[in-house]
Amino acid sequence: MRSTLLVFAGLQLADILTTAAALHFGGREMNGMVLMLMQWGPIAGLILSKAIIAAIAYGAATTGHTRALRLANYIFSAIVLWNLGIVVRLAVA
């Protein structure tokens, strides 16, 4: 369980960094919830959204929903890869 949570935390950090890079190069946030939270600033919105997600992950971990956390890790891996592709495309353009 601990390694699953560590991977989750690393993926959340990677998501923040890749999203911030995409925004820097002119990209835009596609997640409606995160976009709403960004009214307090792009980085503040990202961090607030991650705090909410971390609370949900903590709840899943403490109630034994490891399968849900593993699934979240796969989903966030795909999101980070997607973000990296966008960053590369925007940086080259």
Protein backbone atom coordinates (compact mmCIF):
# COMPACT_ATOMS: atom_id res chain seq x y z
CA MET A 1 0.00 0.00 0.00
CA ARG A 2 2.81 2.38 0.87
CA SER A 3 4.41 2.07 -2.56
CA THR A 4 1.03 2.66 -4.22
CA LEU A 5 0.65 5.88 -2.24
CA LEU A 6 4.20 6.97 -3.08
CA VAL A 7 3.55 6.39 -6.79
CA PHE A 8 0.29 8.32 -6.43
CA ALA A 9 2.08 11.26 -4.80
CA GLY A 10 4.79 11.25 -7.46
CA LEU A 11 2.20 11.24 -10.23
CA GLN A 12 0.38 14.17 -8.62
CA LEU A 13 3.62 16.15 -8.55
CA ALA A 14 4.34 15.20 -12.15
CA ASP A 15 0.83 16.31 -13.13
CA ILE A 16 1.33 19.70 -11.47
CA LEU A 17 4.69 20.19 -13.18
CA THR A 18 3.57 19.08 -16.64
CA THR A 19 0.35 21.10 -16.44
CA ALA A 20 2.29 24.19 -15.33
CA ALA A 21 4.70 23.69 -18.23
CA ALA A 22 1.84 23.34 -20.71
CA LEU A 23 0.23 26.51 -19.35
CA HIS A 24 3.56 28.30 -19.64
CA PHE A 25 3.78 27.40 -23.33
CA GLY A 26 0.24 28.58 -24.03
CA GLY A 27 -1.80 25.46 -23.30
CA ARG A 28 -5.03 25.49 -21.35
CA GLU A 29 -6.54 23.38 -18.60
CA MET A 30 -9.18 20.94 -19.85
CA ASN A 31 -10.47 19.68 -16.49
CA GLY A 32 -13.51 21.77 -15.57
CA MET A 33 -13.05 21.38 -11.82
CA VAL A 34 -9.41 22.43 -11.95
CA LEU A 35 -10.26 25.28 -14.30
CA MET A 36 -12.81 26.54 -11.76
CA LEU A 37 -10.21 26.36 -8.97
CA MET A 38 -7.73 28.30 -11.11
CA GLN A 39 -9.71 31.47 -10.51
CA TRP A 40 -7.33 31.89 -7.54
CA GLY A 41 -4.37 31.56 -9.88
CA PRO A 42 -3.08 28.73 -12.06
CA ILE A 43 -0.64 27.21 -9.57
CA ALA A 44 -2.94 27.79 -6.60
CA GLY A 45 -5.76 26.06 -8.45
CA LEU A 46 -3.55 23.10 -9.34
CA ILE A 47 -2.33 22.74 -5.76
CA LEU A 48 -5.85 23.03 -4.35
CA SER A 49 -7.12 20.38 -6.76
CA LYS A 50 -4.27 18.09 -5.70
CA ALA A 51 -5.09 18.67 -2.04
CA ILE A 52 -8.64 17.53 -2.71
CA ILE A 53 -7.41 14.49 -4.64
CA ALA A 54 -4.90 13.67 -1.88
CA ALA A 55 -7.70 13.72 0.71
CA ILE A 56 -9.73 11.32 -1.43
CA ALA A 57 -6.68 9.07 -1.88
CA TYR A 58 -6.01 9.11 1.85
CA GLY A 59 -9.59 8.09 2.46
CA ALA A 60 -9.27 5.26 -0.04
CA ALA A 61 -6.01 4.11 1.54
CA THR A 62 -7.36 4.11 5.09
CA THR A 63 -10.46 2.18 4.09
CA GLY A 64 -8.55 -0.47 2.16
CA HIS A 65 -9.50 0.55 -1.37
CA THR A 66 -6.09 -0.22 -2.82
CA ARG A 67 -7.57 -1.28 -6.14
CA ALA A 68 -9.04 2.20 -6.60
CA LEU A 69 -5.64 3.77 -5.89
CA ARG A 70 -3.91 1.50 -8.37
CA LEU A 71 -6.50 2.43 -10.99
CA ALA A 72 -5.97 6.12 -10.19
CA ASN A 73 -2.23 5.60 -10.72
CA TYR A 74 -2.85 4.19 -14.20
CA ILE A 75 -5.15 7.07 -15.04
CA PHE A 76 -2.73 9.71 -13.78
CA SER A 77 0.14 8.02 -15.62
CA ALA A 78 -1.83 8.49 -18.83
CA ILE A 79 -2.62 12.10 -17.92
CA VAL A 80 1.05 12.89 -17.27
CA LEU A 81 2.06 11.29 -20.58
CA TRP A 82 -0.65 13.26 -22.35
CA ASN A 83 0.60 16.46 -20.70
CA LEU A 84 4.17 15.69 -21.75
CA GLY A 85 3.03 15.28 -25.36
CA ILE A 86 1.28 18.64 -25.21
CA VAL A 87 4.33 20.31 -23.68
CA VAL A 88 6.58 18.95 -26.42
CA ARG A 89 4.17 20.03 -29.18
CA LEU A 90 3.80 23.52 -27.72
CA ALA A 91 7.52 23.94 -27.08
CA VAL A 92 8.41 22.95 -30.64
CA ALA A 93 5.72 25.17 -32.21
